[in-house]
């Protein structure tokens, strides 16, 4: 079974782009350091619109991402603080790699 790729898109409040970048970067570091199920995260910032951030994460399954991962204290803390620097909830989508037939 292949990994699940999770794409998370955030929109920062224009006046809090630096704070959003710092908070998301800190969250990524915490997830990578404390959640062995996560096998990688890439953080991107939109070069045309700096309020846009995208995370590309690799997890064993959608269920692990939505279950144990989302219940972690660092995730819950980020969610509680996010309205200070984000324009709304993230857009989260789930993908799988396509292999040649």
Foldseek 3Di string as FASTA:
>chain_A
DFWKKKKKKFFWDVVQLVVVVVLVVVLQVCCVVPPPQKPDKDWDADPVHRRMIMIITIGRDPCCCVPVVCPDPSNVVCVVPVVVITPDGIDMDIDTDDDDD
